[in-house]
Amino acid sequence: MNKISNYIRESYHELLEKVTWPTSTQLQQSTVIVLAATVIITAIVALMDLASSYLLKLIYSFF
């Protein structure tokens, strides 16, 4: 039981004093970057889906 309480105490101390938390501005910038990357990757996947769908329809039309 002593090991568990020691672990919890050390974890709490680390969260308060050793971890550097982002500022509000940094957090907003990171969020915008993640959202932009998500939109770009979604567009790429959608284009790949449309292209493969068109290609398969073209191939199936020969049979």
PDB file of N, CA and C in Angstrom:
ATOM      1  N   MET A   1       0.829  -1.200   0.000  1.00  0.00           N
ATOM      2  CA  MET A   1       0.000   0.000   0.000  1.00  0.00           C
ATOM      3  C   MET A   1       0.867   1.256   0.000  1.00  0.00           C
ATOM      4  N   ASN A   2       2.019   1.168   0.617  1.00  0.00           N
ATOM      5  CA  ASN A   2       2.919   2.313   0.682  1.00  0.00           C
ATOM      6  C   ASN A   2       3.438   2.675  -0.707  1.00  0.00           C
ATOM      7  N   LYS A   3       3.647   1.667  -1.565  1.00  0.00           N
ATOM      8  CA  LYS A   3       4.132   1.931  -2.917  1.00  0.00           C
ATOM      9  C   LYS A   3       3.090   2.696  -3.729  1.00  0.00           C
ATOM     10  N   ILE A   4       1.835   2.340  -3.545  1.00  0.00           N
ATOM     11  CA  ILE A   4       0.763   3.011  -4.293  1.00  0.00           C
ATOM     12  C   ILE A   4       0.638   4.471  -3.865  1.00  0.00           C
ATOM     13  N   SER A   5       0.642   4.726  -2.580  1.00  0.00           N
ATOM     14  CA  SER A   5       0.517   6.110  -2.115  1.00  0.00           C
ATOM     15  C   SER A   5       1.746   6.927  -2.518  1.00  0.00           C
ATOM     16  N   ASN A   6       2.915   6.312  -2.508  1.00  0.00           N
ATOM     17  CA  ASN A   6       4.132   6.997  -2.937  1.00  0.00           C
ATOM     18  C   ASN A   6       4.052   7.330  -4.439  1.00  0.00           C
ATOM     19  N   TYR A   7       3.537   6.385  -5.219  1.00  0.00           N
ATOM     20  CA  TYR A   7       3.379   6.618  -6.658  1.00  0.00           C
ATOM     21  C   TYR A   7       2.421   7.778  -6.922  1.00  0.00           C
ATOM     22  N   ILE A   8       1.321   7.794  -6.232  1.00  0.00           N
ATOM     23  CA  ILE A   8       0.330   8.861  -6.414  1.00  0.00           C
ATOM     24  C   ILE A   8       0.913  10.210  -6.006  1.00  0.00           C
ATOM     25  N   ARG A   9       1.632  10.255  -4.891  1.00  0.00           N
ATOM     26  CA  ARG A   9       2.252  11.492  -4.430  1.00  0.00           C
ATOM     27  C   ARG A   9       3.273  12.009  -5.443  1.00  0.00           C
ATOM     28  N   GLU A  10       4.124  11.114  -5.949  1.00  0.00           N
ATOM     29  CA  GLU A  10       5.143  11.520  -6.925  1.00  0.00           C
ATOM     30  C   GLU A  10       4.516  11.956  -8.243  1.00  0.00           C
ATOM     31  N   SER A  11       3.457  11.272  -8.666  1.00  0.00           N
ATOM     32  CA  SER A  11       2.766  11.661  -9.898  1.00  0.00           C
ATOM     33  C   SER A  11       2.157  13.053  -9.770  1.00  0.00           C
ATOM     34  N   TYR A  12       1.532  13.315  -8.639  1.00  0.00           N
ATOM     35  CA  TYR A  12       0.936  14.630  -8.385  1.00  0.00           C
ATOM     36  C   TYR A  12       2.011  15.713  -8.387  1.00  0.00           C
ATOM     37  N   HIS A  13       3.128  15.446  -7.754  1.00  0.00           N
ATOM     38  CA  HIS A  13       4.244  16.398  -7.710  1.00  0.00           C
ATOM     39  C   HIS A  13       4.778  16.659  -9.120  1.00  0.00           C
ATOM     40  N   GLU A  14       4.882  15.612  -9.911  1.00  0.00           N
ATOM     41  CA  GLU A  14       5.385  15.773 -11.275  1.00  0.00           C
ATOM     42  C   GLU A  14       4.427  16.611 -12.115  1.00  0.00           C
ATOM     43  N   LEU A  15       3.129  16.385 -11.973  1.00  0.00           N
ATOM     44  CA  LEU A  15       2.146  17.158 -12.730  1.00  0.00           C
ATOM     45  C   LEU A  15       2.173  18.635 -12.368  1.00  0.00           C
ATOM     46  N   LEU A  16       2.426  18.934 -11.108  1.00  0.00           N
ATOM     47  CA  LEU A  16       2.413  20.329 -10.679  1.00  0.00           C
ATOM     48  C   LEU A  16       3.707  21.076 -10.993  1.00  0.00           C
ATOM     49  N   GLU A  17       4.846  20.411 -10.896  1.00  0.00           N
ATOM     50  CA  GLU A  17       6.106  21.138 -10.958  1.00  0.00           C
ATOM     51  C   GLU A  17       7.001  20.804 -12.144  1.00  0.00           C
ATOM     52  N   LYS A  18       6.844  19.644 -12.759  1.00  0.00           N
ATOM     53  CA  LYS A  18       7.765  19.261 -13.824  1.00  0.00           C
ATOM     54  C   LYS A  18       7.156  19.356 -15.217  1.00  0.00           C
ATOM     55  N   VAL A  19       5.848  19.313 -15.298  1.00  0.00           N
ATOM     56  CA  VAL A  19       5.174  19.371 -16.592  1.00  0.00           C
ATOM     57  C   VAL A  19       5.001  20.821 -16.994  1.00  0.00           C
ATOM     58  N   THR A  20       5.323  21.125 -18.259  1.00  0.00           N
ATOM     59  CA  THR A  20       5.076  22.472 -18.773  1.00  0.00           C
ATOM     60  C   THR A  20       3.798  22.432 -19.606  1.00  0.00           C
ATOM     61  N   TRP A  21       2.806  23.153 -19.151  1.00  0.00           N
ATOM     62  CA  TRP A  21       1.524  23.173 -19.823  1.00  0.00           C
ATOM     63  C   TRP A  21       1.528  24.279 -20.877  1.00  0.00           C
ATOM     64  N   PRO A  22       0.864  24.060 -22.019  1.00  0.00           N
ATOM     65  CA  PRO A  22       0.827  25.095 -23.060  1.00  0.00           C
ATOM     66  C   PRO A  22      -0.024  26.280 -22.626  1.00  0.00           C
ATOM     67  N   THR A  23       0.341  27.428 -23.164  1.00  0.00           N
ATOM     68  CA  THR A  23      -0.471  28.616 -22.901  1.00  0.00           C
ATOM     69  C   THR A  23      -1.731  28.536 -23.753  1.00  0.00           C
ATOM     70  N   SER A  24      -2.649  29.442 -23.497  1.00  0.00           N
ATOM     71  CA  SER A  24      -3.897  29.458 -24.256  1.00  0.00           C
ATOM     72  C   SER A  24      -3.633  29.700 -25.743  1.00  0.00           C
ATOM     73  N   THR A  25      -2.704  30.592 -26.039  1.00  0.00           N
ATOM     74  CA  THR A  25      -2.363  30.890 -27.437  1.00  0.00           C
ATOM     75  C   THR A  25      -1.756  29.671 -28.127  1.00  0.00           C
ATOM     76  N   GLN A  26      -0.852  28.987 -27.453  1.00  0.00           N
ATOM     77  CA  GLN A  26      -0.244  27.790 -28.027  1.00  0.00           C
ATOM     78  C   GLN A  26      -1.290  26.707 -28.261  1.00  0.00           C
ATOM     79  N   LEU A  27      -2.208  26.580 -27.339  1.00  0.00           N
ATOM     80  CA  LEU A  27      -3.261  25.582 -27.464  1.00  0.00           C
ATOM     81  C   LEU A  27      -4.174  25.895 -28.646  1.00  0.00           C
ATOM     82  N   GLN A  28      -4.499  27.165 -28.839  1.00  0.00           N
ATOM     83  CA  GLN A  28      -5.335  27.563 -29.970  1.00  0.00           C
ATOM     84  C   GLN A  28      -4.613  27.321 -31.284  1.00  0.00           C
ATOM     85  N   GLN A  29      -3.324  27.641 -31.352  1.00  0.00           N
ATOM     86  CA  GLN A  29      -2.556  27.414 -32.567  1.00  0.00           C
ATOM     87  C   GLN A  29      -2.483  25.928 -32.898  1.00  0.00           C
ATOM     88  N   SER A  30      -2.253  25.111 -31.903  1.00  0.00           N
ATOM     89  CA  SER A  30      -2.187  23.666 -32.121  1.00  0.00           C
ATOM     90  C   SER A  30      -3.535  23.127 -32.602  1.00  0.00           C
ATOM     91  N   THR A  31      -4.610  23.642 -32.037  1.00  0.00           N
ATOM     92  CA  THR A  31      -5.942  23.204 -32.440  1.00  0.00           C
ATOM     93  C   THR A  31      -6.215  23.557 -33.887  1.00  0.00           C
ATOM     94  N   VAL A  32      -5.831  24.757 -34.300  1.00  0.00           N
ATOM     95  CA  VAL A  32      -6.038  25.173 -35.687  1.00  0.00           C
ATOM     96  C   VAL A  32      -5.222  24.297 -36.629  1.00  0.00           C
ATOM     97  N   ILE A  33      -3.999  23.977 -36.259  1.00  0.00           N
ATOM     98  CA  ILE A  33      -3.153  23.126 -37.089  1.00  0.00           C
ATOM     99  C   ILE A  33      -3.769  21.734 -37.237  1.00  0.00           C
ATOM    100  N   VAL A  34      -4.253  21.177 -36.139  1.00  0.00           N
ATOM    101  CA  VAL A  34      -4.863  19.845 -36.184  1.00  0.00           C
ATOM    102  C   VAL A  34      -6.132  19.869 -37.038  1.00  0.00           C
ATOM    103  N   LEU A  35      -6.953  20.893 -36.887  1.00  0.00           N
ATOM    104  CA  LEU A  35      -8.172  20.991 -37.691  1.00  0.00           C
ATOM    105  C   LEU A  35      -7.856  21.139 -39.178  1.00  0.00           C
ATOM    106  N   ALA A  36      -6.872  21.961 -39.507  1.00  0.00           N
ATOM    107  CA  ALA A  36      -6.486  22.139 -40.909  1.00  0.00           C
ATOM    108  C   ALA A  36      -5.951  20.837 -41.493  1.00  0.00           C
ATOM    109  N   ALA A  37      -5.113  20.138 -40.748  1.00  0.00           N
ATOM    110  CA  ALA A  37      -4.577  18.863 -41.227  1.00  0.00           C
ATOM    111  C   ALA A  37      -5.697  17.847 -41.414  1.00  0.00           C
ATOM    112  N   THR A  38      -6.669  17.852 -40.522  1.00  0.00           N
ATOM    113  CA  THR A  38      -7.799  16.927 -40.631  1.00  0.00           C
ATOM    114  C   THR A  38      -8.610  17.203 -41.893  1.00  0.00           C
ATOM    115  N   VAL A  39      -8.860  18.466 -42.175  1.00  0.00           N
ATOM    116  CA  VAL A  39      -9.620  18.830 -43.375  1.00  0.00           C
ATOM    117  C   VAL A  39      -8.848  18.430 -44.637  1.00  0.00           C
ATOM    118  N   ILE A  40      -7.550  18.687 -44.662  1.00  0.00           N
ATOM    119  CA  ILE A  40      -6.738  18.352 -45.833  1.00  0.00           C
ATOM    120  C   ILE A  40      -6.691  16.844 -46.049  1.00  0.00           C
ATOM    121  N   ILE A  41      -6.469  16.090 -45.000  1.00  0.00           N
ATOM    122  CA  ILE A  41      -6.403  14.629 -45.131  1.00  0.00           C
ATOM    123  C   ILE A  41      -7.760  14.066 -45.540  1.00  0.00           C
ATOM    124  N   THR A  42      -8.842  14.626 -45.008  1.00  0.00           N
ATOM    125  CA  THR A  42     -10.183  14.189 -45.390  1.00  0.00           C
ATOM    126  C   THR A  42     -10.427  14.448 -46.874  1.00  0.00           C
ATOM    127  N   ALA A  43      -9.991  15.599 -47.365  1.00  0.00           N
ATOM    128  CA  ALA A  43     -10.159  15.912 -48.786  1.00  0.00           C
ATOM    129  C   ALA A  43      -9.355  14.951 -49.651  1.00  0.00           C
ATOM    130  N   ILE A  44      -8.148  14.633 -49.240  1.00  0.00           N
ATOM    131  CA  ILE A  44      -7.316  13.700 -50.004  1.00  0.00           C
ATOM    132  C   ILE A  44      -7.963  12.325 -50.051  1.00  0.00           C
ATOM    133  N   VAL A  45      -8.452  11.844 -48.919  1.00  0.00           N
ATOM    134  CA  VAL A  45      -9.104  10.535 -48.883  1.00  0.00           C
ATOM    135  C   VAL A  45     -10.366  10.540 -49.741  1.00  0.00           C
ATOM    136  N   ALA A  46     -11.137  11.614 -49.695  1.00  0.00           N
ATOM    137  CA  ALA A  46     -12.354  11.709 -50.510  1.00  0.00           C
ATOM    138  C   ALA A  46     -12.001  11.682 -51.998  1.00  0.00           C
ATOM    139  N   LEU A  47     -10.962  12.403 -52.392  1.00  0.00           N
ATOM    140  CA  LEU A  47     -10.540  12.379 -53.798  1.00  0.00           C
ATOM    141  C   LEU A  47     -10.064  10.989 -54.215  1.00  0.00           C
ATOM    142  N   MET A  48      -9.329  10.318 -53.354  1.00  0.00           N
ATOM    143  CA  MET A  48      -8.878   8.963 -53.658  1.00  0.00           C
ATOM    144  C   MET A  48     -10.074   8.017 -53.779  1.00  0.00           C
ATOM    145  N   ASP A  49     -11.084   8.194 -52.946  1.00  0.00           N
ATOM    146  CA  ASP A  49     -12.287   7.380 -52.999  1.00  0.00           C
ATOM    147  C   ASP A  49     -13.042   7.605 -54.306  1.00  0.00           C
ATOM    148  N   LEU A  50     -13.197   8.861 -54.685  1.00  0.00           N
ATOM    149  CA  LEU A  50     -13.884   9.167 -55.942  1.00  0.00           C
ATOM    150  C   LEU A  50     -13.117   8.619 -57.142  1.00  0.00           C
ATOM    151  N   ALA A  51     -11.804   8.757 -57.130  1.00  0.00           N
ATOM    152  CA  ALA A  51     -10.991   8.264 -58.240  1.00  0.00           C
ATOM    153  C   ALA A  51     -11.070   6.738 -58.345  1.00  0.00           C
ATOM    154  N   SER A  52     -10.971   6.057 -57.217  1.00  0.00           N
ATOM    155  CA  SER A  52     -11.047   4.597 -57.275  1.00  0.00           C
ATOM    156  C   SER A  52     -12.443   4.132 -57.671  1.00  0.00           C
ATOM    157  N   SER A  53     -13.470   4.836 -57.224  1.00  0.00           N
ATOM    158  CA  SER A  53     -14.833   4.500 -57.614  1.00  0.00           C
ATOM    159  C   SER A  53     -15.012   4.667 -59.123  1.00  0.00           C
ATOM    160  N   TYR A  54     -14.531   5.772 -59.642  1.00  0.00           N
ATOM    161  CA  TYR A  54     -14.623   6.004 -61.087  1.00  0.00           C
ATOM    162  C   TYR A  54     -13.856   4.943 -61.859  1.00  0.00           C
ATOM    163  N   LEU A  55     -12.666   4.604 -61.409  1.00  0.00           N
ATOM    164  CA  LEU A  55     -11.843   3.610 -62.076  1.00  0.00           C
ATOM    165  C   LEU A  55     -12.503   2.235 -62.044  1.00  0.00           C
ATOM    166  N   LEU A  56     -13.068   1.857 -60.916  1.00  0.00           N
ATOM    167  CA  LEU A  56     -13.745   0.559 -60.835  1.00  0.00           C
ATOM    168  C   LEU A  56     -14.995   0.526 -61.704  1.00  0.00           C
ATOM    169  N   LYS A  57     -15.753   1.609 -61.761  1.00  0.00           N
ATOM    170  CA  LYS A  57     -16.921   1.652 -62.646  1.00  0.00           C
ATOM    171  C   LYS A  57     -16.498   1.520 -64.095  1.00  0.00           C
ATOM    172  N   LEU A  58     -15.383   2.143 -64.432  1.00  0.00           N
ATOM    173  CA  LEU A  58     -14.867   2.036 -65.795  1.00  0.00           C
ATOM    174  C   LEU A  58     -14.451   0.599 -66.114  1.00  0.00           C
ATOM    175  N   ILE A  59     -13.769  -0.033 -65.194  1.00  0.00           N
ATOM    176  CA  ILE A  59     -13.345  -1.425 -65.402  1.00  0.00           C
ATOM    177  C   ILE A  59     -14.551  -2.362 -65.477  1.00  0.00           C
ATOM    178  N   TYR A  60     -15.538  -2.167 -64.591  1.00  0.00           N
ATOM    179  CA  TYR A  60     -16.709  -3.032 -64.595  1.00  0.00           C
ATOM    180  C   TYR A  60     -17.554  -2.828 -65.852  1.00  0.00           C
ATOM    181  N   SER A  61     -17.482  -1.670 -66.447  1.00  0.00           N
ATOM    182  CA  SER A  61     -18.297  -1.428 -67.647  1.00  0.00           C
ATOM    183  C   SER A  61     -17.804  -2.260 -68.824  1.00  0.00           C
ATOM    184  N   PHE A  62     -16.577  -2.746 -68.785  1.00  0.00           N
ATOM    185  CA  PHE A  62     -16.049  -3.583 -69.860  1.00  0.00           C
ATOM    186  C   PHE A  62     -16.563  -5.023 -69.782  1.00  0.00           C
ATOM    187  N   PHE A  63     -17.098  -5.398 -68.629  1.00  0.00           N
ATOM    188  CA  PHE A  63     -17.554  -6.793 -68.467  1.00  0.00           C
ATOM    189  C   PHE A  63     -19.022  -6.873 -68.433  1.00  0.00           C
TER     190      PHE A  63
END
